[in-house]
Amino acid sequence: MHKKLFIPGPVDVAEDVLQKMATPMIGHRTKEASKLQRDISEKLMKLFYTKNQIILSTTSGSGLMEAAIRCCTRRRAAVFAVGAFGKR
């Protein structure tokens, strides 16, 4: 059994993970990536017992906030700042 070190590296990686990392990456704008995200969203909907749409995002919380403001407001929005991150 290997010790688990939570440090920047180098660390031991399981063989199956190394083999998967050796395969070509999926382009984020391809149909394959869209299908992967759709499949993940559908599984999450089942996991959370919801019929509502689940949105996956690889951004920070700030990225999701910007997306919400840009996509979900028509004219005006009330934006309240709480602390340094809230003022962004």
PDB file of N, CA and C in Angstrom:
ATOM      1  N   MET A   1       0.838  -1.181   0.000  1.00  0.00           N
ATOM      2  CA  MET A   1       0.000   0.000   0.000  1.00  0.00           C
ATOM      3  C   MET A   1       0.882   1.243   0.000  1.00  0.00           C
ATOM      4  N   HIS A   2       0.558   2.171  -0.881  1.00  0.00           N
ATOM      5  CA  HIS A   2       1.322   3.410  -0.979  1.00  0.00           C
ATOM      6  C   HIS A   2       0.746   4.458  -0.035  1.00  0.00           C
ATOM      7  N   LYS A   3       1.614   5.308   0.459  1.00  0.00           N
ATOM      8  CA  LYS A   3       1.143   6.438   1.250  1.00  0.00           C
ATOM      9  C   LYS A   3       0.529   7.464   0.311  1.00  0.00           C
ATOM     10  N   LYS A   4      -0.557   8.089   0.736  1.00  0.00           N
ATOM     11  CA  LYS A   4      -1.186   9.127  -0.058  1.00  0.00           C
ATOM     12  C   LYS A   4      -0.661  10.472   0.393  1.00  0.00           C
ATOM     13  N   LEU A   5       0.009  11.157  -0.490  1.00  0.00           N
ATOM     14  CA  LEU A   5       0.542  12.479  -0.194  1.00  0.00           C
ATOM     15  C   LEU A   5      -0.266  13.506  -0.976  1.00  0.00           C
ATOM     16  N   PHE A   6      -0.804  14.470  -0.294  1.00  0.00           N
ATOM     17  CA  PHE A   6      -1.574  15.520  -0.943  1.00  0.00           C
ATOM     18  C   PHE A   6      -0.670  16.729  -1.149  1.00  0.00           C
ATOM     19  N   ILE A   7       0.257  16.563  -2.085  1.00  0.00           N
ATOM     20  CA  ILE A   7       1.244  17.595  -2.387  1.00  0.00           C
ATOM     21  C   ILE A   7       1.210  17.864  -3.889  1.00  0.00           C
ATOM     22  N   PRO A   8       1.866  18.925  -4.354  1.00  0.00           N
ATOM     23  CA  PRO A   8       1.843  19.238  -5.780  1.00  0.00           C
ATOM     24  C   PRO A   8       2.421  18.146  -6.671  1.00  0.00           C
ATOM     25  N   GLY A   9       3.247  17.276  -6.189  1.00  0.00           N
ATOM     26  CA  GLY A   9       3.743  16.185  -7.012  1.00  0.00           C
ATOM     27  C   GLY A   9       5.227  16.008  -6.845  1.00  0.00           C
ATOM     28  N   PRO A  10       5.820  15.006  -7.433  1.00  0.00           N
ATOM     29  CA  PRO A  10       5.160  13.922  -8.168  1.00  0.00           C
ATOM     30  C   PRO A  10       4.452  12.956  -7.215  1.00  0.00           C
ATOM     31  N   VAL A  11       3.416  12.330  -7.719  1.00  0.00           N
ATOM     32  CA  VAL A  11       2.641  11.379  -6.926  1.00  0.00           C
ATOM     33  C   VAL A  11       2.412  10.111  -7.732  1.00  0.00           C
ATOM     34  N   ASP A  12       2.097   9.022  -7.031  1.00  0.00           N
ATOM     35  CA  ASP A  12       1.765   7.772  -7.712  1.00  0.00           C
ATOM     36  C   ASP A  12       0.402   7.900  -8.379  1.00  0.00           C
ATOM     37  N   VAL A  13       0.297   7.365  -9.582  1.00  0.00           N
ATOM     38  CA  VAL A  13      -0.962   7.377 -10.322  1.00  0.00           C
ATOM     39  C   VAL A  13      -1.267   5.941 -10.730  1.00  0.00           C
ATOM     40  N   ALA A  14      -2.521   5.535 -10.578  1.00  0.00           N
ATOM     41  CA  ALA A  14      -2.924   4.170 -10.935  1.00  0.00           C
ATOM     42  C   ALA A  14      -2.681   3.915 -12.420  1.00  0.00           C
ATOM     43  N   GLU A  15      -2.359   2.682 -12.748  1.00  0.00           N
ATOM     44  CA  GLU A  15      -2.027   2.315 -14.119  1.00  0.00           C
ATOM     45  C   GLU A  15      -3.164   2.601 -15.096  1.00  0.00           C
ATOM     46  N   ASP A  16      -4.417   2.324 -14.695  1.00  0.00           N
ATOM     47  CA  ASP A  16      -5.543   2.574 -15.603  1.00  0.00           C
ATOM     48  C   ASP A  16      -5.704   4.069 -15.890  1.00  0.00           C
ATOM     49  N   VAL A  17      -5.376   4.905 -14.916  1.00  0.00           N
ATOM     50  CA  VAL A  17      -5.445   6.354 -15.125  1.00  0.00           C
ATOM     51  C   VAL A  17      -4.359   6.787 -16.104  1.00  0.00           C
ATOM     52  N   LEU A  18      -3.155   6.257 -15.944  1.00  0.00           N
ATOM     53  CA  LEU A  18      -2.065   6.583 -16.869  1.00  0.00           C
ATOM     54  C   LEU A  18      -2.408   6.169 -18.295  1.00  0.00           C
ATOM     55  N   GLN A  19      -3.011   4.999 -18.455  1.00  0.00           N
ATOM     56  CA  GLN A  19      -3.382   4.534 -19.797  1.00  0.00           C
ATOM     57  C   GLN A  19      -4.446   5.439 -20.414  1.00  0.00           C
ATOM     58  N   LYS A  20      -5.410   5.861 -19.612  1.00  0.00           N
ATOM     59  CA  LYS A  20      -6.459   6.748 -20.125  1.00  0.00           C
ATOM     60  C   LYS A  20      -5.880   8.103 -20.517  1.00  0.00           C
ATOM     61  N   MET A  21      -4.917   8.584 -19.732  1.00  0.00           N
ATOM     62  CA  MET A  21      -4.295   9.868 -20.038  1.00  0.00           C
ATOM     63  C   MET A  21      -3.457   9.811 -21.311  1.00  0.00           C
ATOM     64  N   ALA A  22      -3.065   8.608 -21.732  1.00  0.00           N
ATOM     65  CA  ALA A  22      -2.264   8.449 -22.941  1.00  0.00           C
ATOM     66  C   ALA A  22      -3.113   8.484 -24.213  1.00  0.00           C
ATOM     67  N   THR A  23      -4.436   8.452 -24.078  1.00  0.00           N
ATOM     68  CA  THR A  23      -5.311   8.502 -25.250  1.00  0.00           C
ATOM     69  C   THR A  23      -5.545   9.957 -25.657  1.00  0.00           C
ATOM     70  N   PRO A  24      -5.889  10.216 -26.919  1.00  0.00           N
ATOM     71  CA  PRO A  24      -6.128  11.592 -27.355  1.00  0.00           C
ATOM     72  C   PRO A  24      -7.280  12.243 -26.582  1.00  0.00           C
ATOM     73  N   MET A  25      -7.154  13.530 -26.322  1.00  0.00           N
ATOM     74  CA  MET A  25      -8.189  14.265 -25.603  1.00  0.00           C
ATOM     75  C   MET A  25      -9.366  14.566 -26.526  1.00  0.00           C
ATOM     76  N   ILE A  26     -10.535  14.771 -25.924  1.00  0.00           N
ATOM     77  CA  ILE A  26     -11.735  15.137 -26.672  1.00  0.00           C
ATOM     78  C   ILE A  26     -11.748  16.658 -26.793  1.00  0.00           C
ATOM     79  N   GLY A  27     -11.932  17.161 -28.003  1.00  0.00           N
ATOM     80  CA  GLY A  27     -12.040  18.602 -28.190  1.00  0.00           C
ATOM     81  C   GLY A  27     -13.300  19.132 -27.519  1.00  0.00           C
ATOM     82  N   HIS A  28     -13.216  20.261 -26.842  1.00  0.00           N
ATOM     83  CA  HIS A  28     -14.365  20.758 -26.077  1.00  0.00           C
ATOM     84  C   HIS A  28     -15.484  21.291 -26.962  1.00  0.00           C
ATOM     85  N   ARG A  29     -15.253  21.444 -28.253  1.00  0.00           N
ATOM     86  CA  ARG A  29     -16.303  21.926 -29.161  1.00  0.00           C
ATOM     87  C   ARG A  29     -16.789  20.843 -30.118  1.00  0.00           C
ATOM     88  N   THR A  30     -16.493  19.601 -29.816  1.00  0.00           N
ATOM     89  CA  THR A  30     -16.892  18.504 -30.689  1.00  0.00           C
ATOM     90  C   THR A  30     -18.234  17.921 -30.260  1.00  0.00           C
ATOM     91  N   LYS A  31     -18.837  17.160 -31.170  1.00  0.00           N
ATOM     92  CA  LYS A  31     -20.092  16.475 -30.853  1.00  0.00           C
ATOM     93  C   LYS A  31     -19.882  15.459 -29.736  1.00  0.00           C
ATOM     94  N   GLU A  32     -18.703  14.854 -29.704  1.00  0.00           N
ATOM     95  CA  GLU A  32     -18.384  13.868 -28.672  1.00  0.00           C
ATOM     96  C   GLU A  32     -18.385  14.516 -27.278  1.00  0.00           C
ATOM     97  N   ALA A  33     -17.834  15.730 -27.172  1.00  0.00           N
ATOM     98  CA  ALA A  33     -17.826  16.438 -25.893  1.00  0.00           C
ATOM     99  C   ALA A  33     -19.244  16.837 -25.492  1.00  0.00           C
ATOM    100  N   SER A  34     -20.050  17.264 -26.455  1.00  0.00           N
ATOM    101  CA  SER A  34     -21.446  17.624 -26.162  1.00  0.00           C
ATOM    102  C   SER A  34     -22.218  16.415 -25.653  1.00  0.00           C
ATOM    103  N   LYS A  35     -21.999  15.275 -26.288  1.00  0.00           N
ATOM    104  CA  LYS A  35     -22.678  14.054 -25.851  1.00  0.00           C
ATOM    105  C   LYS A  35     -22.233  13.655 -24.447  1.00  0.00           C
ATOM    106  N   LEU A  36     -20.937  13.779 -24.174  1.00  0.00           N
ATOM    107  CA  LEU A  36     -20.414  13.452 -22.845  1.00  0.00           C
ATOM    108  C   LEU A  36     -21.067  14.330 -21.778  1.00  0.00           C
ATOM    109  N   GLN A  37     -21.143  15.636 -22.022  1.00  0.00           N
ATOM    110  CA  GLN A  37     -21.774  16.541 -21.051  1.00  0.00           C
ATOM    111  C   GLN A  37     -23.255  16.237 -20.896  1.00  0.00           C
ATOM    112  N   ARG A  38     -23.932  15.937 -21.988  1.00  0.00           N
ATOM    113  CA  ARG A  38     -25.362  15.596 -21.927  1.00  0.00           C
ATOM    114  C   ARG A  38     -25.564  14.329 -21.091  1.00  0.00           C
ATOM    115  N   ASP A  39     -24.728  13.318 -21.319  1.00  0.00           N
ATOM    116  CA  ASP A  39     -24.837  12.066 -20.564  1.00  0.00           C
ATOM    117  C   ASP A  39     -24.585  12.303 -19.072  1.00  0.00           C
ATOM    118  N   ILE A  40     -23.595  13.126 -18.758  1.00  0.00           N
ATOM    119  CA  ILE A  40     -23.302  13.431 -17.353  1.00  0.00           C
ATOM    120  C   ILE A  40     -24.480  14.162 -16.729  1.00  0.00           C
ATOM    121  N   SER A  41     -25.039  15.145 -17.434  1.00  0.00           N
ATOM    122  CA  SER A  41     -26.181  15.907 -16.910  1.00  0.00           C
ATOM    123  C   SER A  41     -27.373  14.997 -16.644  1.00  0.00           C
ATOM    124  N   GLU A  42     -27.646  14.080 -17.568  1.00  0.00           N
ATOM    125  CA  GLU A  42     -28.775  13.159 -17.392  1.00  0.00           C
ATOM    126  C   GLU A  42     -28.569  12.264 -16.173  1.00  0.00           C
ATOM    127  N   LYS A  43     -27.346  11.799 -15.979  1.00  0.00           N
ATOM    128  CA  LYS A  43     -27.059  10.956 -14.802  1.00  0.00           C
ATOM    129  C   LYS A  43     -27.172  11.760 -13.516  1.00  0.00           C
ATOM    130  N   LEU A  44     -26.734  13.024 -13.542  1.00  0.00           N
ATOM    131  CA  LEU A  44     -26.864  13.867 -12.357  1.00  0.00           C
ATOM    132  C   LEU A  44     -28.325  14.149 -12.038  1.00  0.00           C
ATOM    133  N   MET A  45     -29.158  14.303 -13.065  1.00  0.00           N
ATOM    134  CA  MET A  45     -30.586  14.521 -12.842  1.00  0.00           C
ATOM    135  C   MET A  45     -31.190  13.325 -12.108  1.00  0.00           C
ATOM    136  N   LYS A  46     -30.788  12.128 -12.497  1.00  0.00           N
ATOM    137  CA  LYS A  46     -31.273  10.928 -11.806  1.00  0.00           C
ATOM    138  C   LYS A  46     -30.734  10.881 -10.377  1.00  0.00           C
ATOM    139  N   LEU A  47     -29.459  11.218 -10.203  1.00  0.00           N
ATOM    140  CA  LEU A  47     -28.840  11.189  -8.885  1.00  0.00           C
ATOM    141  C   LEU A  47     -29.525  12.161  -7.923  1.00  0.00           C
ATOM    142  N   PHE A  48     -29.883  13.351  -8.419  1.00  0.00           N
ATOM    143  CA  PHE A  48     -30.500  14.383  -7.582  1.00  0.00           C
ATOM    144  C   PHE A  48     -32.023  14.346  -7.613  1.00  0.00           C
ATOM    145  N   TYR A  49     -32.579  13.323  -8.268  1.00  0.00           N
ATOM    146  CA  TYR A  49     -34.038  13.169  -8.351  1.00  0.00           C
ATOM    147  C   TYR A  49     -34.715  14.456  -8.834  1.00  0.00           C
ATOM    148  N   THR A  50     -34.241  14.962  -9.960  1.00  0.00           N
ATOM    149  CA  THR A  50     -34.827  16.184 -10.500  1.00  0.00           C
ATOM    150  C   THR A  50     -35.109  16.029 -11.988  1.00  0.00           C
ATOM    151  N   LYS A  51     -36.088  16.758 -12.458  1.00  0.00           N
ATOM    152  CA  LYS A  51     -36.367  16.825 -13.892  1.00  0.00           C
ATOM    153  C   LYS A  51     -35.902  18.160 -14.449  1.00  0.00           C
ATOM    154  N   ASN A  52     -35.378  19.021 -13.566  1.00  0.00           N
ATOM    155  CA  ASN A  52     -34.851  20.313 -13.989  1.00  0.00           C
ATOM    156  C   ASN A  52     -33.506  20.136 -14.675  1.00  0.00           C
ATOM    157  N   GLN A  53     -33.193  21.057 -15.565  1.00  0.00           N
ATOM    158  CA  GLN A  53     -31.940  21.006 -16.301  1.00  0.00           C
ATOM    159  C   GLN A  53     -30.763  21.257 -15.366  1.00  0.00           C
ATOM    160  N   ILE A  54     -29.704  20.499 -15.541  1.00  0.00           N
ATOM    161  CA  ILE A  54     -28.477  20.693 -14.785  1.00  0.00           C
ATOM    162  C   ILE A  54     -27.437  21.240 -15.748  1.00  0.00           C
ATOM    163  N   ILE A  55     -26.807  22.320 -15.356  1.00  0.00           N
ATOM    164  CA  ILE A  55     -25.813  22.970 -16.209  1.00  0.00           C
ATOM    165  C   ILE A  55     -24.428  22.671 -15.653  1.00  0.00           C
ATOM    166  N   LEU A  56     -23.569  22.121 -16.496  1.00  0.00           N
ATOM    167  CA  LEU A  56     -22.193  21.848 -16.105  1.00  0.00           C
ATOM    168  C   LEU A  56     -21.323  23.023 -16.534  1.00  0.00           C
ATOM    169  N   SER A  57     -20.383  23.391 -15.690  1.00  0.00           N
ATOM    170  CA  SER A  57     -19.487  24.494 -16.019  1.00  0.00           C
ATOM    171  C   SER A  57     -18.112  24.207 -15.441  1.00  0.00           C
ATOM    172  N   THR A  58     -17.088  24.500 -16.217  1.00  0.00           N
ATOM    173  CA  THR A  58     -15.726  24.316 -15.733  1.00  0.00           C
ATOM    174  C   THR A  58     -15.119  25.654 -15.321  1.00  0.00           C
ATOM    175  N   THR A  59     -15.968  26.658 -15.137  1.00  0.00           N
ATOM    176  CA  THR A  59     -15.483  27.969 -14.719  1.00  0.00           C
ATOM    177  C   THR A  59     -15.516  28.091 -13.207  1.00  0.00           C
ATOM    178  N   SER A  60     -15.027  29.205 -12.738  1.00  0.00           N
ATOM    179  CA  SER A  60     -15.119  29.512 -11.312  1.00  0.00           C
ATOM    180  C   SER A  60     -16.526  30.016 -11.010  1.00  0.00           C
ATOM    181  N   GLY A  61     -16.785  30.279  -9.750  1.00  0.00           N
ATOM    182  CA  GLY A  61     -18.070  30.856  -9.372  1.00  0.00           C
ATOM    183  C   GLY A  61     -18.305  32.192 -10.055  1.00  0.00           C
ATOM    184  N   SER A  62     -17.236  32.954 -10.250  1.00  0.00           N
ATOM    185  CA  SER A  62     -17.359  34.239 -10.937  1.00  0.00           C
ATOM    186  C   SER A  62     -17.821  34.046 -12.384  1.00  0.00           C
ATOM    187  N   GLY A  63     -17.318  32.999 -13.026  1.00  0.00           N
ATOM    188  CA  GLY A  63     -17.736  32.710 -14.402  1.00  0.00           C
ATOM    189  C   GLY A  63     -19.209  32.352 -14.480  1.00  0.00           C
ATOM    190  N   LEU A  64     -19.680  31.572 -13.516  1.00  0.00           N
ATOM    191  CA  LEU A  64     -21.100  31.223 -13.486  1.00  0.00           C
ATOM    192  C   LEU A  64     -21.968  32.441 -13.196  1.00  0.00           C
ATOM    193  N   MET A  65     -21.499  33.322 -12.322  1.00  0.00           N
ATOM    194  CA  MET A  65     -22.253  34.531 -12.023  1.00  0.00           C
ATOM    195  C   MET A  65     -22.350  35.420 -13.263  1.00  0.00           C
ATOM    196  N   GLU A  66     -21.244  35.581 -13.972  1.00  0.00           N
ATOM    197  CA  GLU A  66     -21.282  36.387 -15.195  1.00  0.00           C
ATOM    198  C   GLU A  66     -22.219  35.779 -16.223  1.00  0.00           C
ATOM    199  N   ALA A  67     -22.169  34.466 -16.386  1.00  0.00           N
ATOM    200  CA  ALA A  67     -23.057  33.795 -17.334  1.00  0.00           C
ATOM    201  C   ALA A  67     -24.515  33.999 -16.948  1.00  0.00           C
ATOM    202  N   ALA A  68     -24.819  33.903 -15.659  1.00  0.00           N
ATOM    203  CA  ALA A  68     -26.199  34.094 -15.201  1.00  0.00           C
ATOM    204  C   ALA A  68     -26.679  35.509 -15.488  1.00  0.00           C
ATOM    205  N   ILE A  69     -25.824  36.496 -15.224  1.00  0.00           N
ATOM    206  CA  ILE A  69     -26.222  37.888 -15.459  1.00  0.00           C
ATOM    207  C   ILE A  69     -26.386  38.154 -16.954  1.00  0.00           C
ATOM    208  N   ARG A  70     -25.466  37.669 -17.764  1.00  0.00           N
ATOM    209  CA  ARG A  70     -25.526  37.923 -19.208  1.00  0.00           C
ATOM    210  C   ARG A  70     -26.677  37.185 -19.889  1.00  0.00           C
ATOM    211  N   CYS A  71     -27.006  36.009 -19.412  1.00  0.00           N
ATOM    212  CA  CYS A  71     -27.992  35.178 -20.099  1.00  0.00           C
ATOM    213  C   CYS A  71     -29.395  35.240 -19.496  1.00  0.00           C
ATOM    214  N   CYS A  72     -29.521  35.666 -18.261  1.00  0.00           N
ATOM    215  CA  CYS A  72     -30.808  35.550 -17.578  1.00  0.00           C
ATOM    216  C   CYS A  72     -31.443  36.895 -17.218  1.00  0.00           C
ATOM    217  N   THR A  73     -30.843  37.988 -17.657  1.00  0.00           N
ATOM    218  CA  THR A  73     -31.448  39.291 -17.395  1.00  0.00           C
ATOM    219  C   THR A  73     -31.796  39.952 -18.716  1.00  0.00           C
ATOM    220  N   ARG A  74     -32.903  40.691 -18.726  1.00  0.00           N
ATOM    221  CA  ARG A  74     -33.304  41.364 -19.952  1.00  0.00           C
ATOM    222  C   ARG A  74     -32.845  42.815 -19.983  1.00  0.00           C
ATOM    223  N   ARG A  75     -33.156  43.551 -18.927  1.00  0.00           N
ATOM    224  CA  ARG A  75     -32.798  44.964 -18.903  1.00  0.00           C
ATOM    225  C   ARG A  75     -31.943  45.314 -17.701  1.00  0.00           C
ATOM    226  N   ARG A  76     -32.476  45.069 -16.520  1.00  0.00           N
ATOM    227  CA  ARG A  76     -31.801  45.458 -15.293  1.00  0.00           C
ATOM    228  C   ARG A  76     -31.708  44.272 -14.340  1.00  0.00           C
ATOM    229  N   ALA A  77     -30.761  44.383 -13.442  1.00  0.00           N
ATOM    230  CA  ALA A  77     -30.621  43.349 -12.415  1.00  0.00           C
ATOM    231  C   ALA A  77     -30.146  44.007 -11.130  1.00  0.00           C
ATOM    232  N   ALA A  78     -30.647  43.560 -10.011  1.00  0.00           N
ATOM    233  CA  ALA A  78     -30.161  44.018  -8.715  1.00  0.00           C
ATOM    234  C   ALA A  78     -28.987  43.128  -8.339  1.00  0.00           C
ATOM    235  N   VAL A  79     -27.823  43.732  -8.152  1.00  0.00           N
ATOM    236  CA  VAL A  79     -26.614  42.983  -7.814  1.00  0.00           C
ATOM    237  C   VAL A  79     -26.131  43.480  -6.466  1.00  0.00           C
ATOM    238  N   PHE A  80     -26.022  42.594  -5.516  1.00  0.00           N
ATOM    239  CA  PHE A  80     -25.593  42.931  -4.161  1.00  0.00           C
ATOM    240  C   PHE A  80     -24.200  42.375  -3.930  1.00  0.00           C
ATOM    241  N   ALA A  81     -23.320  43.194  -3.395  1.00  0.00           N
ATOM    242  CA  ALA A  81     -21.942  42.783  -3.148  1.00  0.00           C
ATOM    243  C   ALA A  81     -21.759  42.442  -1.675  1.00  0.00           C
ATOM    244  N   VAL A  82     -21.112  41.306  -1.432  1.00  0.00           N
ATOM    245  CA  VAL A  82     -20.799  40.891  -0.075  1.00  0.00           C
ATOM    246  C   VAL A  82     -19.310  40.525  -0.056  1.00  0.00           C
ATOM    247  N   GLY A  83     -18.503  41.425   0.409  1.00  0.00           N
ATOM    248  CA  GLY A  83     -17.066  41.162   0.474  1.00  0.00           C
ATOM    249  C   GLY A  83     -16.346  41.404  -0.831  1.00  0.00           C
ATOM    250  N   ALA A  84     -15.049  41.130  -0.833  1.00  0.00           N
ATOM    251  CA  ALA A  84     -14.202  41.407  -1.986  1.00  0.00           C
ATOM    252  C   ALA A  84     -14.632  40.633  -3.220  1.00  0.00           C
ATOM    253  N   PHE A  85     -14.980  39.369  -3.076  1.00  0.00           N
ATOM    254  CA  PHE A  85     -15.371  38.576  -4.234  1.00  0.00           C
ATOM    255  C   PHE A  85     -16.724  39.000  -4.760  1.00  0.00           C
ATOM    256  N   GLY A  86     -17.592  39.469  -3.895  1.00  0.00           N
ATOM    257  CA  GLY A  86     -18.909  39.921  -4.336  1.00  0.00           C
ATOM    258  C   GLY A  86     -18.846  41.173  -5.172  1.00  0.00           C
ATOM    259  N   LYS A  87     -17.822  41.966  -5.005  1.00  0.00           N
ATOM    260  CA  LYS A  87     -17.703  43.223  -5.758  1.00  0.00           C
ATOM    261  C   LYS A  87     -17.181  43.009  -7.172  1.00  0.00           C
ATOM    262  N   ARG A  88     -16.800  41.816  -7.511  1.00  0.00           N
ATOM    263  CA  ARG A  88     -16.276  41.530  -8.847  1.00  0.00           C
ATOM    264  C   ARG A  88     -17.392  41.665  -9.843  1.00  0.00           C
TER     265      ARG A  88
END
